[in-house]
Amino acid sequence: SVERWKEITTLYHNMTDVMCCGWSPDGIRIVSGAKDKTLKVWSSTTFSILATLSSHTDEVTCCSWSPNATQIVSGSYDETIKVWDMESYSLLITLTLRDHQVENCKWAPDGTQFMTATEENIQIWSSQTFSLLHTQQLFDLSWSPDGTQYFSTGSSIRVWNAENYSLVSNFASFIPYVIGNGGWSPDGKCVITYAKNLIVWNIVSSSVLAYLDHDYVNYCSWSPDGSRIVSASNTIKLWDSRTFAILATLSHSIHAYWVRACSWTSDGTHFVSSCSDGTIKLWKYEKESRPKELI
């Protein structure tokens, strides 16, 4: 490995498949969601459980912090979306999608909206009124860093105007398998998709910049400064986003369980990963110390 990432600690979420995780934007808490139908909120310094959020009636599939770290949105196979207050750890509202299991959820960069995704459609909601603003037959989406556009994945890859939902560009159509959405680079110039491998795209030319080999990826995202990409499969890989070289390969589990998700701290020096073995691991980047020069 080119870089050294040290495992800080391992947290245990009832020894059940941990489907999602998120490091709060202010860095002080971590949330995890699992097949046991609960979310757990952890201190990132003491590693103690601050709250267990129990309201879903089926496995929790996704969770996401609001940009100001005051709320969490979660989704479940129980066909509901729940918004939680992170000061009181209380449930604010339950939104129901009839006959549609919730697969994913994300906040818009300015916090005024959040999206949810089912197996067939995406929904965009107001975070003030919790009213449904827009629905569209897409698999997943990610907002651009400035919030003016979003790019969608599924059987096609497209960019849309986030204000009027009109099509801006079409990267690729009629893809024979479903493509996951790894989001925009922080500078807004690239996007990343994943399935059997990772593909980095130039957003302006709609051209492929790189294919990154990591079999059957469950999750990927850019580091906050855009210098790295993290991808999760039965291992975790970190990539240099400029050269596309592998910086590190990490094993979350000695038994090669599936790593479900990862989430960065805002400064990019730490990330958290969640795994099907029931664990959550915290990782820290360790700069190599250079030997002192002899005078």
Protein backbone atom coordinates (compact mmCIF):
# COMPACT_ATOMS: atom_id res chain seq x y z
CA SER A 1 0.00 0.00 0.00
CA VAL A 2 1.13 3.54 -0.76
CA GLU A 3 -0.79 5.00 2.17
CA ARG A 4 -1.27 3.70 5.68
CA TRP A 5 -4.76 3.67 7.15
CA LYS A 6 -5.00 2.53 10.75
CA GLU A 7 -8.08 0.89 12.24
CA ILE A 8 -9.02 2.93 15.32
CA THR A 9 -11.76 0.75 16.77
CA THR A 10 -14.56 -1.68 15.99
CA LEU A 11 -18.16 -1.03 17.01
CA TYR A 12 -20.81 -3.76 17.20
CA HIS A 13 -24.38 -3.22 16.03
CA ASN A 14 -26.20 -6.24 17.54
CA MET A 15 -24.16 -8.61 15.33
CA THR A 16 -26.50 -8.05 12.40
CA ASP A 17 -25.84 -6.86 8.85
CA VAL A 18 -25.03 -3.13 9.04
CA MET A 19 -26.47 -1.74 5.82
CA CYS A 20 -25.44 1.92 6.13
CA CYS A 21 -23.33 4.35 8.10
CA GLY A 22 -22.62 8.08 8.21
CA TRP A 23 -20.12 10.34 9.93
CA SER A 24 -21.79 13.59 11.02
CA PRO A 25 -20.62 16.75 9.22
CA ASP A 26 -19.38 18.21 12.53
CA GLY A 27 -17.37 15.04 13.16
CA ILE A 28 -18.64 14.23 16.64
CA ARG A 29 -21.11 11.41 15.93
CA ILE A 30 -21.60 8.37 13.73
CA VAL A 31 -24.88 6.75 12.74
CA SER A 32 -25.36 3.15 11.64
CA GLY A 33 -28.46 1.37 10.33
CA ALA A 34 -28.95 -2.38 10.26
CA LYS A 35 -31.14 -5.37 9.53
CA ASP A 36 -32.27 -5.41 13.16
CA LYS A 37 -34.58 -2.47 12.19
CA THR A 38 -32.68 0.08 14.33
CA LEU A 39 -30.32 3.00 13.90
CA LYS A 40 -27.60 3.58 16.45
CA VAL A 41 -25.88 6.91 17.10
CA TRP A 42 -22.32 6.67 18.41
CA SER A 43 -19.84 9.13 19.88
CA SER A 44 -16.82 9.33 17.57
CA THR A 45 -14.53 10.06 20.53
CA THR A 46 -15.72 7.73 23.31
CA PHE A 47 -17.26 5.17 20.89
CA SER A 48 -20.24 4.82 23.22
CA ILE A 49 -23.85 4.52 22.02
CA LEU A 50 -25.62 7.86 22.42
CA ALA A 51 -29.02 6.68 21.20
CA THR A 52 -30.84 3.77 19.61
CA LEU A 53 -33.56 4.87 17.20
CA SER A 54 -36.34 2.29 16.95
CA SER A 55 -39.37 2.92 14.78
CA HIS A 56 -38.78 1.05 11.53
CA THR A 57 -40.51 -2.34 11.25
CA ASP A 58 -38.09 -3.85 8.73
CA GLU A 59 -34.37 -3.58 8.04
CA VAL A 60 -32.87 -0.11 7.74
CA THR A 61 -31.28 0.24 4.31
CA CYS A 62 -30.02 3.83 4.27
CA CYS A 63 -29.30 6.82 6.50
CA SER A 64 -27.97 10.31 5.87
CA TRP A 65 -27.04 13.34 8.00
CA SER A 66 -28.36 16.79 7.15
CA PRO A 67 -25.55 19.23 6.27
CA ASN A 68 -25.92 21.02 9.64
CA ALA A 69 -25.94 17.70 11.56
CA THR A 70 -29.29 18.44 13.25
CA GLN A 71 -31.32 15.75 11.48
CA ILE A 72 -31.03 12.29 9.98
CA VAL A 73 -33.17 10.79 7.26
CA SER A 74 -33.48 7.00 7.14
CA GLY A 75 -35.14 4.54 4.80
CA SER A 76 -36.25 0.95 5.20
CA TYR A 77 -37.78 -2.07 3.53
CA ASP A 78 -40.89 -1.26 5.59
CA GLU A 79 -41.71 1.25 2.80
CA THR A 80 -41.17 4.30 5.03
CA ILE A 81 -38.82 7.24 5.28
CA LYS A 82 -38.21 8.70 8.71
CA VAL A 83 -36.69 12.03 9.70
CA TRP A 84 -35.09 12.22 13.14
CA ASP A 85 -34.14 15.18 15.34
CA MET A 86 -30.53 14.71 16.41
CA GLU A 87 -30.70 16.97 19.46
CA SER A 88 -33.49 15.07 21.19
CA TYR A 89 -33.07 11.81 19.22
CA SER A 90 -36.80 11.86 18.57
CA LEU A 91 -38.78 11.00 15.46
CA LEU A 92 -39.98 14.08 13.58
CA ILE A 93 -42.07 12.49 10.85
CA THR A 94 -42.75 9.26 8.98
CA LEU A 95 -43.30 9.41 5.21
CA THR A 96 -44.86 6.34 3.58
CA LEU A 97 -44.30 5.01 0.08
CA ARG A 98 -46.93 2.39 -0.63
CA ASP A 99 -45.60 -0.84 -2.15
CA HIS A 100 -42.08 0.57 -2.56
CA GLN A 101 -39.13 -0.44 -0.42
CA VAL A 102 -36.67 2.40 0.21
CA GLU A 103 -33.16 1.68 -1.04
CA ASN A 104 -31.30 4.99 -0.62
CA CYS A 105 -31.53 8.51 0.81
CA LYS A 106 -29.38 11.67 0.55
CA TRP A 107 -29.55 15.35 1.49
CA ALA A 108 -29.13 18.22 -0.96
CA PRO A 109 -25.98 20.30 -0.31
CA ASP A 110 -27.95 23.27 1.09
CA GLY A 111 -30.13 21.07 3.31
CA THR A 112 -33.43 22.36 1.93
CA GLN A 113 -34.29 19.05 0.24
CA PHE A 114 -33.55 15.36 0.54
CA MET A 115 -34.02 12.51 -1.90
CA THR A 116 -35.11 8.92 -1.46
CA ALA A 117 -34.87 6.08 -3.93
CA THR A 118 -36.91 2.93 -4.35
CA GLU A 119 -36.33 0.08 -6.79
CA GLU A 120 -38.19 2.03 -9.49
CA ASN A 121 -38.29 5.76 -8.68
CA ILE A 122 -36.61 8.62 -6.87
CA GLN A 123 -38.49 11.14 -4.76
CA ILE A 124 -37.37 14.66 -3.82
CA TRP A 125 -38.81 16.11 -0.60
CA SER A 126 -38.84 19.50 1.09
CA SER A 127 -36.97 19.31 4.41
CA GLN A 128 -39.07 22.20 5.78
CA THR A 129 -42.60 20.99 4.96
CA PHE A 130 -41.77 17.32 4.21
CA SER A 131 -43.95 17.62 1.11
CA LEU A 132 -43.15 15.66 -2.04
CA LEU A 133 -41.64 18.03 -4.62
CA HIS A 134 -40.82 15.66 -7.47
CA THR A 135 -40.80 12.00 -8.43
CA GLN A 136 -39.05 10.45 -11.41
CA GLN A 137 -38.37 6.99 -12.81
CA LEU A 138 -34.68 6.79 -11.89
CA PHE A 139 -32.62 4.38 -9.79
CA ASP A 140 -30.48 6.86 -7.85
CA LEU A 141 -29.21 10.44 -7.99
CA SER A 142 -26.53 12.71 -6.57
CA TRP A 143 -26.62 16.50 -6.44
CA SER A 144 -23.78 18.59 -7.84
CA PRO A 145 -21.69 20.39 -5.20
CA ASP A 146 -23.53 23.68 -5.88
CA GLY A 147 -26.93 21.95 -5.90
CA THR A 148 -27.95 23.22 -9.35
CA GLN A 149 -27.86 19.83 -11.08
CA TYR A 150 -28.08 16.15 -10.28
CA PHE A 151 -26.88 13.09 -12.13
CA SER A 152 -28.89 9.91 -12.20
CA THR A 153 -27.97 6.27 -12.59
CA GLY A 154 -29.81 3.06 -13.35
CA SER A 155 -30.10 1.69 -16.87
CA SER A 156 -28.78 5.04 -18.12
CA ILE A 157 -26.54 7.86 -16.86
CA ARG A 158 -27.92 11.39 -17.22
CA VAL A 159 -27.53 14.92 -15.86
CA TRP A 160 -30.61 17.01 -14.93
CA ASN A 161 -31.42 20.58 -14.00
CA ALA A 162 -32.25 20.46 -10.27
CA GLU A 163 -34.62 23.43 -10.44
CA ASN A 164 -36.96 22.44 -13.28
CA TYR A 165 -35.94 18.73 -13.60
CA SER A 166 -35.19 19.06 -17.32
CA LEU A 167 -32.58 16.86 -19.02
CA VAL A 168 -29.16 18.50 -19.46
CA SER A 169 -27.10 15.65 -20.92
CA ASN A 170 -27.18 11.92 -21.52
CA PHE A 171 -23.95 10.03 -20.81
CA ALA A 172 -25.02 6.49 -21.66
CA SER A 173 -28.28 4.66 -22.38
CA PHE A 174 -29.43 1.05 -22.38
CA ILE A 175 -26.84 -0.19 -19.91
CA PRO A 176 -27.49 -3.94 -19.45
CA TYR A 177 -27.17 -3.82 -15.66
CA VAL A 178 -28.04 -1.36 -12.90
CA ILE A 179 -25.36 1.22 -12.16
CA GLY A 180 -24.77 2.64 -8.68
CA ASN A 181 -24.14 6.32 -8.04
CA GLY A 182 -20.93 7.40 -6.33
CA GLY A 183 -21.54 11.13 -6.59
CA TRP A 184 -19.83 14.21 -7.98
CA SER A 185 -16.24 15.18 -7.32
CA PRO A 186 -16.04 18.20 -4.99
CA ASP A 187 -14.81 20.40 -7.86
CA GLY A 188 -17.88 19.45 -9.93
CA LYS A 189 -15.83 18.21 -12.88
CA CYS A 190 -16.28 14.44 -12.55
CA VAL A 191 -18.78 11.80 -11.44
CA ILE A 192 -18.27 8.17 -10.51
CA THR A 193 -20.48 5.13 -11.06
CA TYR A 194 -20.11 1.55 -9.90
CA ALA A 195 -21.35 -2.00 -10.43
CA LYS A 196 -18.94 -4.69 -11.62
CA ASN A 197 -16.20 -2.06 -11.41
CA LEU A 198 -15.78 1.69 -10.95
CA ILE A 199 -16.04 4.17 -13.81
CA VAL A 200 -14.89 7.79 -13.51
CA TRP A 201 -16.56 10.17 -15.98
CA ASN A 202 -15.74 13.68 -17.16
CA ILE A 203 -18.96 15.65 -16.58
CA VAL A 204 -18.33 18.13 -19.40
CA SER A 205 -17.38 15.77 -22.23
CA SER A 206 -19.42 12.78 -20.92
CA SER A 207 -16.31 10.67 -21.58
CA VAL A 208 -14.76 7.93 -19.45
CA LEU A 209 -11.60 8.98 -17.62
CA ALA A 210 -10.82 5.66 -15.96
CA TYR A 211 -12.01 2.14 -15.22
CA LEU A 212 -11.01 1.02 -11.72
CA ASP A 213 -10.94 -2.69 -11.01
CA HIS A 214 -12.81 -3.66 -7.82
CA ASP A 215 -15.25 -6.54 -8.24
CA TYR A 216 -18.93 -6.07 -7.35
CA VAL A 217 -18.77 -2.75 -5.55
CA ASN A 218 -21.49 -1.97 -2.99
CA TYR A 219 -20.50 1.65 -2.40
CA CYS A 220 -18.05 4.36 -3.49
CA SER A 221 -17.53 8.07 -2.86
CA TRP A 222 -15.07 10.93 -3.19
CA SER A 223 -13.11 12.27 -0.24
CA PRO A 224 -14.17 15.82 0.74
CA ASP A 225 -11.08 17.36 -0.86
CA GLY A 226 -11.47 15.24 -4.00
CA SER A 227 -8.01 13.69 -3.74
CA ARG A 228 -9.18 10.13 -3.06
CA ILE A 229 -11.95 7.72 -3.94
CA VAL A 230 -13.07 4.99 -1.55
CA SER A 231 -14.81 1.84 -2.80
CA ALA A 232 -16.33 -1.02 -0.81
CA SER A 233 -16.75 -4.66 -1.81
CA ASN A 234 -15.47 -7.58 0.26
CA THR A 235 -12.45 -5.29 0.74
CA ILE A 236 -12.05 -1.52 0.94
CA LYS A 237 -9.86 0.20 -1.63
CA LEU A 238 -8.62 3.79 -1.65
CA TRP A 239 -7.65 5.34 -4.96
CA ASP A 240 -5.71 8.41 -6.03
CA SER A 241 -8.29 10.44 -7.96
CA ARG A 242 -5.62 12.03 -10.18
CA THR A 243 -3.54 8.99 -11.18
CA PHE A 244 -6.23 6.38 -10.38
CA ALA A 245 -3.58 4.28 -8.64
CA ILE A 246 -4.51 2.17 -5.61
CA LEU A 247 -3.34 3.89 -2.42
CA ALA A 248 -4.44 1.21 0.05
CA THR A 249 -6.42 -2.01 0.31
CA LEU A 250 -8.07 -2.66 3.67
CA SER A 251 -9.77 -5.77 5.03
CA HIS A 252 -12.81 -4.96 7.15
CA SER A 253 -13.40 -8.63 8.04
CA ILE A 254 -11.05 -11.61 8.11
CA HIS A 255 -13.89 -13.69 6.69
CA ALA A 256 -14.37 -11.43 3.64
CA TYR A 257 -17.89 -10.35 4.49
CA TRP A 258 -19.40 -7.61 2.30
CA VAL A 259 -18.62 -4.01 3.22
CA ARG A 260 -21.91 -2.17 2.77
CA ALA A 261 -20.99 1.51 3.04
CA CYS A 262 -18.33 4.07 3.98
CA SER A 263 -18.48 7.69 5.11
CA TRP A 264 -15.75 10.33 5.35
CA THR A 265 -15.11 12.96 7.98
CA SER A 266 -15.33 16.50 6.60
CA ASP A 267 -11.52 16.87 6.64
CA GLY A 268 -10.95 13.53 4.88
CA THR A 269 -8.52 12.18 7.50
CA HIS A 270 -10.91 9.50 8.80
CA PHE A 271 -13.71 7.35 7.45
CA VAL A 272 -16.12 4.78 8.83
CA SER A 273 -17.16 1.52 7.18
CA SER A 274 -20.08 -0.82 7.92
CA CYS A 275 -20.15 -4.53 7.18
CA SER A 276 -22.45 -7.52 6.85
CA ASP A 277 -20.64 -9.14 9.79
CA GLY A 278 -22.41 -6.71 12.16
CA THR A 279 -19.47 -4.38 12.72
CA ILE A 280 -18.59 -0.75 12.10
CA LYS A 281 -14.92 0.18 11.83
CA LEU A 282 -13.28 3.59 12.16
CA TRP A 283 -10.16 4.26 10.08
CA LYS A 284 -7.53 7.00 10.36
CA TYR A 285 -4.99 8.16 7.81
CA GLU A 286 -1.45 8.05 9.20
CA LYS A 287 1.15 10.19 7.54
CA GLU A 288 4.48 8.50 7.25
CA SER A 289 7.09 10.12 9.47
CA ARG A 290 10.25 10.96 7.63
CA PRO A 291 13.57 10.13 9.34
CA LYS A 292 15.41 13.13 10.66
CA GLU A 293 18.32 14.27 8.54
CA LEU A 294 21.74 13.94 10.10
CA ILE A 295 23.50 17.25 10.49
